[in-house]
Amino acid sequence: MKEEIKFRHTMPVQIRFSDVDQFGHVNNSVYFSLYDLAKTTYIKDVLGSADWNKMAIVVANINANFYAPVFFSDHLVIETAVVQLGHKSFTLLQRAVTTDTQEVKCECRTVMVGYDIATKEPKQIAEEYKQAICAYEGKTMDDLAKK
């Protein structure tokens, strides 16, 4: 049986006029901006004042499944959780959820990779960052190492 994912991080978003396309719903490209904003908020909330001069993180892969349209009048939150944590990468699962019906409108998986700015090569994620993610998610490294 698949383990239920607890989304401890939620970020309310405001749908802007420019987010809505000619069909009256939020354009699919807008979701990625919303997910990026929630990624930034998650990282700040979980890792605090991480020293990004030592290590950056970059997107290695991103995929989204669109289940139902979001309309201008919808109240939306982006939920974020780390669902896998390795030596040099971690995977975020994010969902766009309406607050009134709790309907999942879109789901996104993003693989983030530690990156050394000087060498332009992947870099191991610092243990302190891994521990902070585990503590926030309420999981062990072993829990998050499983795919």
Protein backbone atom coordinates (compact mmCIF):
# COMPACT_ATOMS: atom_id res chain seq x y z
CA MET A 1 0.00 0.00 0.00
CA LYS A 2 1.31 3.41 -0.95
CA GLU A 3 2.16 5.68 1.98
CA GLU A 4 0.04 8.81 2.35
CA ILE A 5 2.09 11.96 1.79
CA LYS A 6 1.63 14.70 4.36
CA PHE A 7 1.98 18.14 2.87
CA ARG A 8 3.26 20.21 5.78
CA HIS A 9 4.05 23.22 3.62
CA THR A 10 1.21 25.17 2.03
CA MET A 11 1.33 28.51 0.31
CA PRO A 12 -1.82 30.41 -0.69
CA VAL A 13 -1.65 31.95 -4.15
CA GLN A 14 -3.60 34.74 -5.72
CA ILE A 15 -4.75 34.16 -9.27
CA ARG A 16 -3.91 37.24 -11.31
CA PHE A 17 -5.89 38.58 -14.26
CA SER A 18 -2.95 37.84 -16.55
CA ASP A 19 -2.89 34.19 -15.42
CA VAL A 20 -6.20 33.46 -17.14
CA ASP A 21 -6.18 32.50 -20.83
CA GLN A 22 -8.76 32.92 -23.59
CA PHE A 23 -10.62 29.84 -22.37
CA GLY A 24 -11.28 31.41 -18.96
CA HIS A 25 -8.95 29.18 -16.95
CA VAL A 26 -5.41 29.46 -15.63
CA ASN A 27 -2.97 28.77 -18.44
CA ASN A 28 -0.86 25.65 -17.96
CA SER A 29 2.41 27.63 -18.11
CA VAL A 30 1.34 29.68 -15.05
CA TYR A 31 1.42 26.63 -12.79
CA PHE A 32 5.20 26.42 -13.12
CA SER A 33 5.56 30.00 -11.86
CA LEU A 34 3.32 29.18 -8.91
CA TYR A 35 5.32 26.02 -8.17
CA ASP A 36 8.59 27.99 -8.39
CA LEU A 37 7.30 30.54 -5.89
CA ALA A 38 6.27 27.74 -3.53
CA LYS A 39 9.69 26.05 -3.95
CA THR A 40 11.40 29.28 -2.92
CA THR A 41 9.13 29.66 0.08
CA TYR A 42 9.64 26.01 1.12
CA ILE A 43 13.43 26.34 0.90
CA LYS A 44 13.45 29.56 2.93
CA ASP A 45 11.10 28.11 5.53
CA VAL A 46 12.98 24.81 5.88
CA LEU A 47 16.61 25.76 5.30
CA GLY A 48 16.45 29.31 6.61
CA SER A 49 19.57 31.27 5.80
CA ALA A 50 21.34 28.59 3.77
CA ASP A 51 24.65 29.73 2.31
CA TRP A 52 23.93 29.55 -1.41
CA ASN A 53 27.48 30.71 -2.21
CA LYS A 54 28.64 27.26 -1.08
CA MET A 55 25.99 25.33 -2.95
CA ALA A 56 23.15 26.19 -5.23
CA ILE A 57 20.29 23.94 -6.27
CA VAL A 58 19.03 23.65 -9.80
CA VAL A 59 16.08 21.98 -11.47
CA ALA A 60 17.12 18.79 -13.26
CA ASN A 61 13.65 17.56 -14.21
CA ILE A 62 10.09 18.82 -13.88
CA ASN A 63 6.82 17.13 -14.84
CA ALA A 64 3.22 18.14 -14.28
CA ASN A 65 -0.11 16.35 -14.55
CA PHE A 66 -3.11 18.61 -15.13
CA TYR A 67 -6.31 17.10 -13.73
CA ALA A 68 -8.88 19.90 -13.87
CA PRO A 69 -8.90 23.59 -14.81
CA VAL A 70 -8.44 26.38 -12.29
CA PHE A 71 -10.61 29.43 -12.82
CA PHE A 72 -10.05 33.06 -11.84
CA SER A 73 -12.52 32.83 -8.94
CA ASP A 74 -10.92 29.71 -7.40
CA HIS A 75 -9.05 29.93 -4.11
CA LEU A 76 -5.85 28.00 -4.49
CA VAL A 77 -2.94 26.79 -2.37
CA ILE A 78 0.27 25.12 -3.44
CA GLU A 79 1.25 22.21 -1.23
CA THR A 80 4.89 21.09 -1.20
CA ALA A 81 6.67 18.05 0.24
CA VAL A 82 10.06 16.43 -0.24
CA VAL A 83 9.30 12.83 -1.19
CA GLN A 84 12.82 11.61 -1.97
CA LEU A 85 16.20 12.71 -0.69
CA GLY A 86 19.50 11.42 -2.04
CA HIS A 87 23.14 12.43 -1.79
CA LYS A 88 23.08 15.04 -4.55
CA SER A 89 19.38 15.46 -5.29
CA PHE A 90 15.91 15.60 -3.84
CA THR A 91 12.43 15.32 -5.32
CA LEU A 92 9.63 17.73 -4.51
CA LEU A 93 6.00 16.82 -4.97
CA GLN A 94 3.76 19.84 -5.32
CA ARG A 95 0.01 20.14 -5.77
CA ALA A 96 -2.34 22.95 -6.70
CA VAL A 97 -5.41 22.44 -4.49
CA THR A 98 -8.61 24.46 -4.20
CA THR A 99 -9.26 25.46 -0.60
CA ASP A 100 -13.04 25.20 -0.73
CA THR A 101 -13.33 21.70 -2.27
CA GLN A 102 -9.82 20.29 -1.60
CA GLU A 103 -9.73 19.19 -5.24
CA VAL A 104 -6.24 18.57 -6.61
CA LYS A 105 -6.15 20.49 -9.88
CA CYS A 106 -2.54 19.81 -10.85
CA GLU A 107 0.40 17.85 -9.48
CA CYS A 108 4.09 18.44 -10.19
CA ARG A 109 7.28 16.49 -9.47
CA THR A 110 10.59 18.33 -9.57
CA VAL A 111 14.05 16.83 -9.17
CA MET A 112 16.42 19.39 -7.66
CA VAL A 113 20.18 18.82 -7.76
CA GLY A 114 22.90 20.31 -5.57
CA TYR A 115 25.19 22.37 -7.77
CA ASP A 116 28.66 23.79 -7.28
CA ILE A 117 28.71 27.25 -8.83
CA ALA A 118 32.51 27.35 -9.17
CA THR A 119 32.98 23.97 -10.87
CA LYS A 120 29.58 23.89 -12.58
CA GLU A 121 29.17 20.29 -11.43
CA PRO A 122 26.62 18.46 -9.28
CA LYS A 123 27.49 18.62 -5.60
CA GLN A 124 26.47 16.63 -2.55
CA ILE A 125 23.78 18.30 -0.48
CA ALA A 126 25.12 19.40 2.91
CA GLU A 127 24.19 17.12 5.83
CA GLU A 128 22.72 20.07 7.74
CA TYR A 129 20.31 20.74 4.85
CA LYS A 130 19.34 17.06 4.66
CA GLN A 131 18.74 16.99 8.42
CA ALA A 132 16.61 20.14 8.20
CA ILE A 133 14.48 18.62 5.43
CA CYS A 134 14.05 15.36 7.38
CA ALA A 135 13.09 17.23 10.55
CA TYR A 136 10.57 19.38 8.70
CA GLU A 137 9.03 16.42 6.87
CA GLY A 138 8.99 14.26 10.01
CA LYS A 139 10.91 11.51 8.22
CA THR A 140 14.29 9.83 8.50
CA MET A 141 16.93 9.75 5.79
CA ASP A 142 16.05 6.08 5.24
CA ASP A 143 12.38 7.00 4.78
CA LEU A 144 13.23 9.64 2.18
CA ALA A 145 15.88 7.52 0.43
CA LYS A 146 13.19 5.09 -0.70
CA LYS A 147 11.61 5.78 -4.06
